[in-house]
């Protein structure tokens, strides 16, 4: 089984590979899967941006696609 992680971030790829190391599946970045997209992350939440990325990459493959989005939030 192959899973494509919707990111170009090498640090995120290292992290996801560490997390999924015990699973019997191939983990690929978009680049490794031959997918080159300029995805506009225009959601209003981290969850929406992750969905935008996953859906965009899913149009290019029949493989399973995962995505995440994160950052700092200030609650005032």
PDB file of N, CA and C in Angstrom:
ATOM      1  N   UNK A   1       0.851  -1.178   0.000  1.00  0.00           N
ATOM      2  CA  UNK A   1       0.000   0.000   0.000  1.00  0.00           C
ATOM      3  C   UNK A   1       0.895   1.239   0.000  1.00  0.00           C
ATOM      4  N   UNK A   2       0.488   2.237  -0.745  1.00  0.00           N
ATOM      5  CA  UNK A   2       1.243   3.487  -0.806  1.00  0.00           C
ATOM      6  C   UNK A   2       0.361   4.630  -0.329  1.00  0.00           C
ATOM      7  N   UNK A   3       0.952   5.476   0.498  1.00  0.00           N
ATOM      8  CA  UNK A   3       0.274   6.674   0.981  1.00  0.00           C
ATOM      9  C   UNK A   3       1.097   7.875   0.555  1.00  0.00           C
ATOM     10  N   UNK A   4       0.436   8.849  -0.037  1.00  0.00           N
ATOM     11  CA  UNK A   4       1.103  10.091  -0.427  1.00  0.00           C
ATOM     12  C   UNK A   4       0.752  11.149   0.599  1.00  0.00           C
ATOM     13  N   UNK A   5       1.768  11.778   1.148  1.00  0.00           N
ATOM     14  CA  UNK A   5       1.571  12.840   2.120  1.00  0.00           C
ATOM     15  C   UNK A   5       1.658  14.161   1.373  1.00  0.00           C
ATOM     16  N   UNK A   6       0.597  14.943   1.426  1.00  0.00           N
ATOM     17  CA  UNK A   6       0.471  16.175   0.642  1.00  0.00           C
ATOM     18  C   UNK A   6       1.298  17.296   1.258  1.00  0.00           C
ATOM     19  N   UNK A   7       2.613  17.214   1.035  1.00  0.00           N
ATOM     20  CA  UNK A   7       3.514  18.252   1.522  1.00  0.00           C
ATOM     21  C   UNK A   7       4.782  18.281   0.685  1.00  0.00           C
ATOM     22  N   UNK A   8       5.416  19.410   0.683  1.00  0.00           N
ATOM     23  CA  UNK A   8       6.746  19.548   0.112  1.00  0.00           C
ATOM     24  C   UNK A   8       7.765  19.796   1.208  1.00  0.00           C
ATOM     25  N   UNK A   9       7.314  19.721   2.446  1.00  0.00           N
ATOM     26  CA  UNK A   9       8.139  20.024   3.612  1.00  0.00           C
ATOM     27  C   UNK A   9       8.915  18.775   4.040  1.00  0.00           C
ATOM     28  N   UNK A  10      10.241  18.810   3.895  1.00  0.00           N
ATOM     29  CA  UNK A  10      11.083  17.654   4.231  1.00  0.00           C
ATOM     30  C   UNK A  10      10.998  17.305   5.713  1.00  0.00           C
ATOM     31  N   UNK A  11      10.870  18.292   6.573  1.00  0.00           N
ATOM     32  CA  UNK A  11      10.750  18.047   8.008  1.00  0.00           C
ATOM     33  C   UNK A  11       9.482  17.286   8.350  1.00  0.00           C
ATOM     34  N   UNK A  12       8.376  17.665   7.713  1.00  0.00           N
ATOM     35  CA  UNK A  12       7.116  16.947   7.940  1.00  0.00           C
ATOM     36  C   UNK A  12       7.215  15.509   7.435  1.00  0.00           C
ATOM     37  N   UNK A  13       7.906  15.308   6.315  1.00  0.00           N
ATOM     38  CA  UNK A  13       8.068  13.955   5.784  1.00  0.00           C
ATOM     39  C   UNK A  13       8.881  13.091   6.738  1.00  0.00           C
ATOM     40  N   UNK A  14       9.943  13.635   7.310  1.00  0.00           N
ATOM     41  CA  UNK A  14      10.731  12.875   8.293  1.00  0.00           C
ATOM     42  C   UNK A  14       9.849  12.480   9.476  1.00  0.00           C
ATOM     43  N   UNK A  15       9.074  13.448   9.954  1.00  0.00           N
ATOM     44  CA  UNK A  15       8.207  13.210  11.105  1.00  0.00           C
ATOM     45  C   UNK A  15       7.153  12.137  10.810  1.00  0.00           C
ATOM     46  N   UNK A  16       6.486  12.218   9.678  1.00  0.00           N
ATOM     47  CA  UNK A  16       5.446  11.242   9.356  1.00  0.00           C
ATOM     48  C   UNK A  16       6.045   9.860   9.146  1.00  0.00           C
ATOM     49  N   UNK A  17       7.246   9.793   8.566  1.00  0.00           N
ATOM     50  CA  UNK A  17       7.900   8.490   8.390  1.00  0.00           C
ATOM     51  C   UNK A  17       8.266   7.873   9.737  1.00  0.00           C
ATOM     52  N   UNK A  18       8.701   8.695  10.675  1.00  0.00           N
ATOM     53  CA  UNK A  18       9.000   8.192  12.023  1.00  0.00           C
ATOM     54  C   UNK A  18       7.730   7.671  12.691  1.00  0.00           C
ATOM     55  N   UNK A  19       6.651   8.421  12.582  1.00  0.00           N
ATOM     56  CA  UNK A  19       5.385   8.024  13.202  1.00  0.00           C
ATOM     57  C   UNK A  19       4.864   6.717  12.607  1.00  0.00           C
ATOM     58  N   UNK A  20       5.028   6.542  11.301  1.00  0.00           N
ATOM     59  CA  UNK A  20       4.449   5.390  10.612  1.00  0.00           C
ATOM     60  C   UNK A  20       5.474   4.297  10.316  1.00  0.00           C
ATOM     61  N   UNK A  21       6.628   4.339  10.975  1.00  0.00           N
ATOM     62  CA  UNK A  21       7.725   3.413  10.683  1.00  0.00           C
ATOM     63  C   UNK A  21       7.345   1.945  10.859  1.00  0.00           C
ATOM     64  N   UNK A  22       6.486   1.633  11.798  1.00  0.00           N
ATOM     65  CA  UNK A  22       6.121   0.241  12.071  1.00  0.00           C
ATOM     66  C   UNK A  22       5.023  -0.289  11.157  1.00  0.00           C
ATOM     67  N   UNK A  23       4.512   0.542  10.288  1.00  0.00           N
ATOM     68  CA  UNK A  23       3.431   0.124   9.394  1.00  0.00           C
ATOM     69  C   UNK A  23       4.020  -0.367   8.076  1.00  0.00           C
ATOM     70  N   UNK A  24       3.403  -1.374   7.519  1.00  0.00           N
ATOM     71  CA  UNK A  24       3.885  -1.972   6.279  1.00  0.00           C
ATOM     72  C   UNK A  24       3.284  -1.247   5.078  1.00  0.00           C
ATOM     73  N   UNK A  25       3.809  -0.050   4.818  1.00  0.00           N
ATOM     74  CA  UNK A  25       3.326   0.725   3.678  1.00  0.00           C
ATOM     75  C   UNK A  25       4.401   1.704   3.231  1.00  0.00           C
ATOM     76  N   UNK A  26       4.321   2.084   1.987  1.00  0.00           N
ATOM     77  CA  UNK A  26       5.245   3.056   1.420  1.00  0.00           C
ATOM     78  C   UNK A  26       4.680   4.456   1.655  1.00  0.00           C
ATOM     79  N   UNK A  27       5.497   5.324   2.231  1.00  0.00           N
ATOM     80  CA  UNK A  27       5.096   6.708   2.481  1.00  0.00           C
ATOM     81  C   UNK A  27       5.867   7.593   1.506  1.00  0.00           C
ATOM     82  N   UNK A  28       5.152   8.355   0.691  1.00  0.00           N
ATOM     83  CA  UNK A  28       5.774   9.207  -0.324  1.00  0.00           C
ATOM     84  C   UNK A  28       5.365  10.656  -0.138  1.00  0.00           C
ATOM     85  N   UNK A  29       6.273  11.544  -0.469  1.00  0.00           N
ATOM     86  CA  UNK A  29       5.918  12.957  -0.576  1.00  0.00           C
ATOM     87  C   UNK A  29       5.289  13.176  -1.948  1.00  0.00           C
ATOM     88  N   UNK A  30       4.729  14.338  -2.150  1.00  0.00           N
ATOM     89  CA  UNK A  30       4.187  14.677  -3.465  1.00  0.00           C
ATOM     90  C   UNK A  30       5.280  14.564  -4.523  1.00  0.00           C
ATOM     91  N   UNK A  31       6.453  15.111  -4.226  1.00  0.00           N
ATOM     92  CA  UNK A  31       7.564  15.099  -5.179  1.00  0.00           C
ATOM     93  C   UNK A  31       7.967  13.672  -5.521  1.00  0.00           C
ATOM     94  N   UNK A  32       8.079  12.825  -4.504  1.00  0.00           N
ATOM     95  CA  UNK A  32       8.465  11.431  -4.733  1.00  0.00           C
ATOM     96  C   UNK A  32       7.428  10.693  -5.572  1.00  0.00           C
ATOM     97  N   UNK A  33       6.181  11.114  -5.482  1.00  0.00           N
ATOM     98  CA  UNK A  33       5.104  10.503  -6.264  1.00  0.00           C
ATOM     99  C   UNK A  33       4.976  11.132  -7.650  1.00  0.00           C
ATOM    100  N   UNK A  34       5.815  12.124  -7.945  1.00  0.00           N
ATOM    101  CA  UNK A  34       5.770  12.783  -9.245  1.00  0.00           C
ATOM    102  C   UNK A  34       4.637  13.774  -9.389  1.00  0.00           C
ATOM    103  N   UNK A  35       4.165  14.294  -8.263  1.00  0.00           N
ATOM    104  CA  UNK A  35       3.055  15.253  -8.275  1.00  0.00           C
ATOM    105  C   UNK A  35       3.591  16.643  -7.968  1.00  0.00           C
ATOM    106  N   UNK A  36       3.349  17.561  -8.876  1.00  0.00           N
ATOM    107  CA  UNK A  36       3.790  18.944  -8.701  1.00  0.00           C
ATOM    108  C   UNK A  36       2.576  19.854  -8.847  1.00  0.00           C
ATOM    109  N   UNK A  37       2.141  20.399  -7.738  1.00  0.00           N
ATOM    110  CA  UNK A  37       0.976  21.284  -7.730  1.00  0.00           C
ATOM    111  C   UNK A  37       1.292  22.536  -6.931  1.00  0.00           C
ATOM    112  N   UNK A  38       0.724  23.640  -7.340  1.00  0.00           N
ATOM    113  CA  UNK A  38       0.780  24.872  -6.556  1.00  0.00           C
ATOM    114  C   UNK A  38      -0.597  25.013  -5.913  1.00  0.00           C
ATOM    115  N   UNK A  39      -0.697  24.607  -4.659  1.00  0.00           N
ATOM    116  CA  UNK A  39      -1.988  24.550  -3.978  1.00  0.00           C
ATOM    117  C   UNK A  39      -2.188  25.806  -3.143  1.00  0.00           C
ATOM    118  N   UNK A  40      -3.267  26.516  -3.414  1.00  0.00           N
ATOM    119  CA  UNK A  40      -3.590  27.714  -2.647  1.00  0.00           C
ATOM    120  C   UNK A  40      -4.320  27.303  -1.372  1.00  0.00           C
ATOM    121  N   UNK A  41      -3.646  27.486  -0.251  1.00  0.00           N
ATOM    122  CA  UNK A  41      -4.229  27.145   1.049  1.00  0.00           C
ATOM    123  C   UNK A  41      -5.012  28.354   1.555  1.00  0.00           C
ATOM    124  N   UNK A  42      -6.254  28.458   1.122  1.00  0.00           N
ATOM    125  CA  UNK A  42      -7.054  29.632   1.456  1.00  0.00           C
ATOM    126  C   UNK A  42      -8.189  29.322   2.431  1.00  0.00           C
ATOM    127  N   UNK A  43      -8.060  28.220   3.159  1.00  0.00           N
ATOM    128  CA  UNK A  43      -9.047  27.892   4.182  1.00  0.00           C
ATOM    129  C   UNK A  43      -8.925  28.833   5.363  1.00  0.00           C
ATOM    130  N   UNK A  44      -9.929  28.830   6.206  1.00  0.00           N
ATOM    131  CA  UNK A  44      -9.905  29.704   7.387  1.00  0.00           C
ATOM    132  C   UNK A  44      -9.439  28.972   8.640  1.00  0.00           C
ATOM    133  N   UNK A  45      -9.218  27.650   8.518  1.00  0.00           N
ATOM    134  CA  UNK A  45      -8.723  26.864   9.650  1.00  0.00           C
ATOM    135  C   UNK A  45      -7.632  25.921   9.152  1.00  0.00           C
ATOM    136  N   UNK A  46      -6.863  25.373  10.093  1.00  0.00           N
ATOM    137  CA  UNK A  46      -5.855  24.378   9.727  1.00  0.00           C
ATOM    138  C   UNK A  46      -6.524  23.169   9.077  1.00  0.00           C
ATOM    139  N   UNK A  47      -7.672  22.760   9.619  1.00  0.00           N
ATOM    140  CA  UNK A  47      -8.389  21.607   9.073  1.00  0.00           C
ATOM    141  C   UNK A  47      -8.809  21.852   7.624  1.00  0.00           C
ATOM    142  N   UNK A  48      -9.338  23.023   7.337  1.00  0.00           N
ATOM    143  CA  UNK A  48      -9.745  23.339   5.958  1.00  0.00           C
ATOM    144  C   UNK A  48      -8.546  23.311   5.019  1.00  0.00           C
ATOM    145  N   UNK A  49      -7.422  23.861   5.445  1.00  0.00           N
ATOM    146  CA  UNK A  49      -6.231  23.851   4.594  1.00  0.00           C
ATOM    147  C   UNK A  49      -5.739  22.430   4.341  1.00  0.00           C
ATOM    148  N   UNK A  50      -5.784  21.569   5.346  1.00  0.00           N
ATOM    149  CA  UNK A  50      -5.391  20.173   5.158  1.00  0.00           C
ATOM    150  C   UNK A  50      -6.326  19.490   4.159  1.00  0.00           C
ATOM    151  N   UNK A  51      -7.617  19.766   4.256  1.00  0.00           N
ATOM    152  CA  UNK A  51      -8.580  19.187   3.313  1.00  0.00           C
ATOM    153  C   UNK A  51      -8.321  19.679   1.894  1.00  0.00           C
ATOM    154  N   UNK A  52      -8.023  20.955   1.744  1.00  0.00           N
ATOM    155  CA  UNK A  52      -7.730  21.523   0.423  1.00  0.00           C
ATOM    156  C   UNK A  52      -6.536  20.803  -0.198  1.00  0.00           C
ATOM    157  N   UNK A  53      -5.465  20.629   0.584  1.00  0.00           N
ATOM    158  CA  UNK A  53      -4.263  19.958   0.076  1.00  0.00           C
ATOM    159  C   UNK A  53      -4.558  18.502  -0.290  1.00  0.00           C
ATOM    160  N   UNK A  54      -5.244  17.785   0.601  1.00  0.00           N
ATOM    161  CA  UNK A  54      -5.529  16.369   0.346  1.00  0.00           C
ATOM    162  C   UNK A  54      -6.396  16.192  -0.901  1.00  0.00           C
ATOM    163  N   UNK A  55      -7.413  17.015  -1.048  1.00  0.00           N
ATOM    164  CA  UNK A  55      -8.304  16.906  -2.208  1.00  0.00           C
ATOM    165  C   UNK A  55      -7.571  17.230  -3.506  1.00  0.00           C
ATOM    166  N   UNK A  56      -6.695  18.232  -3.480  1.00  0.00           N
ATOM    167  CA  UNK A  56      -5.947  18.599  -4.683  1.00  0.00           C
ATOM    168  C   UNK A  56      -5.032  17.459  -5.120  1.00  0.00           C
ATOM    169  N   UNK A  57      -4.314  16.880  -4.181  1.00  0.00           N
ATOM    170  CA  UNK A  57      -3.401  15.784  -4.515  1.00  0.00           C
ATOM    171  C   UNK A  57      -4.180  14.542  -4.935  1.00  0.00           C
ATOM    172  N   UNK A  58      -5.318  14.298  -4.320  1.00  0.00           N
ATOM    173  CA  UNK A  58      -6.130  13.122  -4.650  1.00  0.00           C
ATOM    174  C   UNK A  58      -6.610  13.131  -6.099  1.00  0.00           C
ATOM    175  N   UNK A  59      -6.700  14.305  -6.717  1.00  0.00           N
ATOM    176  CA  UNK A  59      -7.106  14.367  -8.125  1.00  0.00           C
ATOM    177  C   UNK A  59      -6.019  13.831  -9.052  1.00  0.00           C
ATOM    178  N   UNK A  60      -4.807  13.648  -8.519  1.00  0.00           N
ATOM    179  CA  UNK A  60      -3.663  13.228  -9.333  1.00  0.00           C
ATOM    180  C   UNK A  60      -3.274  11.771  -9.128  1.00  0.00           C
ATOM    181  N   UNK A  61      -3.962  11.057  -8.245  1.00  0.00           N
ATOM    182  CA  UNK A  61      -3.538   9.698  -7.910  1.00  0.00           C
ATOM    183  C   UNK A  61      -4.718   8.858  -7.438  1.00  0.00           C
ATOM    184  N   UNK A  62      -4.539   7.562  -7.504  1.00  0.00           N
ATOM    185  CA  UNK A  62      -5.517   6.633  -6.929  1.00  0.00           C
ATOM    186  C   UNK A  62      -5.045   6.148  -5.561  1.00  0.00           C
ATOM    187  N   UNK A  63      -3.852   6.587  -5.148  1.00  0.00           N
ATOM    188  CA  UNK A  63      -3.313   6.212  -3.846  1.00  0.00           C
ATOM    189  C   UNK A  63      -4.040   6.964  -2.734  1.00  0.00           C
ATOM    190  N   UNK A  64      -3.862   6.492  -1.513  1.00  0.00           N
ATOM    191  CA  UNK A  64      -4.383   7.187  -0.341  1.00  0.00           C
ATOM    192  C   UNK A  64      -3.575   8.463  -0.152  1.00  0.00           C
ATOM    193  N   UNK A  65      -4.240   9.546   0.188  1.00  0.00           N
ATOM    194  CA  UNK A  65      -3.570  10.829   0.404  1.00  0.00           C
ATOM    195  C   UNK A  65      -3.860  11.313   1.821  1.00  0.00           C
ATOM    196  N   UNK A  66      -2.809  11.737   2.509  1.00  0.00           N
ATOM    197  CA  UNK A  66      -2.936  12.360   3.826  1.00  0.00           C
ATOM    198  C   UNK A  66      -2.373  13.769   3.752  1.00  0.00           C
ATOM    199  N   UNK A  67      -2.904  14.655   4.573  1.00  0.00           N
ATOM    200  CA  UNK A  67      -2.384  16.021   4.646  1.00  0.00           C
ATOM    201  C   UNK A  67      -2.568  16.544   6.053  1.00  0.00           C
ATOM    202  N   UNK A  68      -1.744  17.504   6.411  1.00  0.00           N
ATOM    203  CA  UNK A  68      -1.948  18.195   7.674  1.00  0.00           C
ATOM    204  C   UNK A  68      -1.587  19.652   7.468  1.00  0.00           C
ATOM    205  N   UNK A  69      -2.021  20.470   8.371  1.00  0.00           N
ATOM    206  CA  UNK A  69      -1.669  21.880   8.358  1.00  0.00           C
ATOM    207  C   UNK A  69      -1.577  22.299   9.815  1.00  0.00           C
ATOM    208  N   UNK A  70      -0.599  23.083  10.123  1.00  0.00           N
ATOM    209  CA  UNK A  70      -0.432  23.495  11.519  1.00  0.00           C
ATOM    210  C   UNK A  70       0.250  24.848  11.576  1.00  0.00           C
ATOM    211  N   UNK A  71       0.235  25.418  12.740  1.00  0.00           N
ATOM    212  CA  UNK A  71       0.861  26.715  12.956  1.00  0.00           C
ATOM    213  C   UNK A  71       0.559  27.201  14.356  1.00  0.00           C
ATOM    214  N   UNK A  72       0.929  28.407  14.620  1.00  0.00           N
ATOM    215  CA  UNK A  72       0.676  29.008  15.924  1.00  0.00           C
ATOM    216  C   UNK A  72      -0.654  29.747  15.901  1.00  0.00           C
ATOM    217  N   UNK A  73      -1.375  29.650  16.986  1.00  0.00           N
ATOM    218  CA  UNK A  73      -2.617  30.407  17.137  1.00  0.00           C
ATOM    219  C   UNK A  73      -2.507  31.259  18.389  1.00  0.00           C
ATOM    220  N   UNK A  74      -2.938  32.474  18.263  1.00  0.00           N
ATOM    221  CA  UNK A  74      -2.970  33.376  19.414  1.00  0.00           C
ATOM    222  C   UNK A  74      -4.414  33.549  19.845  1.00  0.00           C
ATOM    223  N   UNK A  75      -4.697  33.207  21.068  1.00  0.00           N
ATOM    224  CA  UNK A  75      -6.041  33.390  21.608  1.00  0.00           C
ATOM    225  C   UNK A  75      -5.983  34.561  22.571  1.00  0.00           C
ATOM    226  N   UNK A  76      -6.712  35.597  22.236  1.00  0.00           N
ATOM    227  CA  UNK A  76      -6.677  36.822  23.045  1.00  0.00           C
ATOM    228  C   UNK A  76      -8.017  37.024  23.706  1.00  0.00           C
TER     229      UNK A  76
END
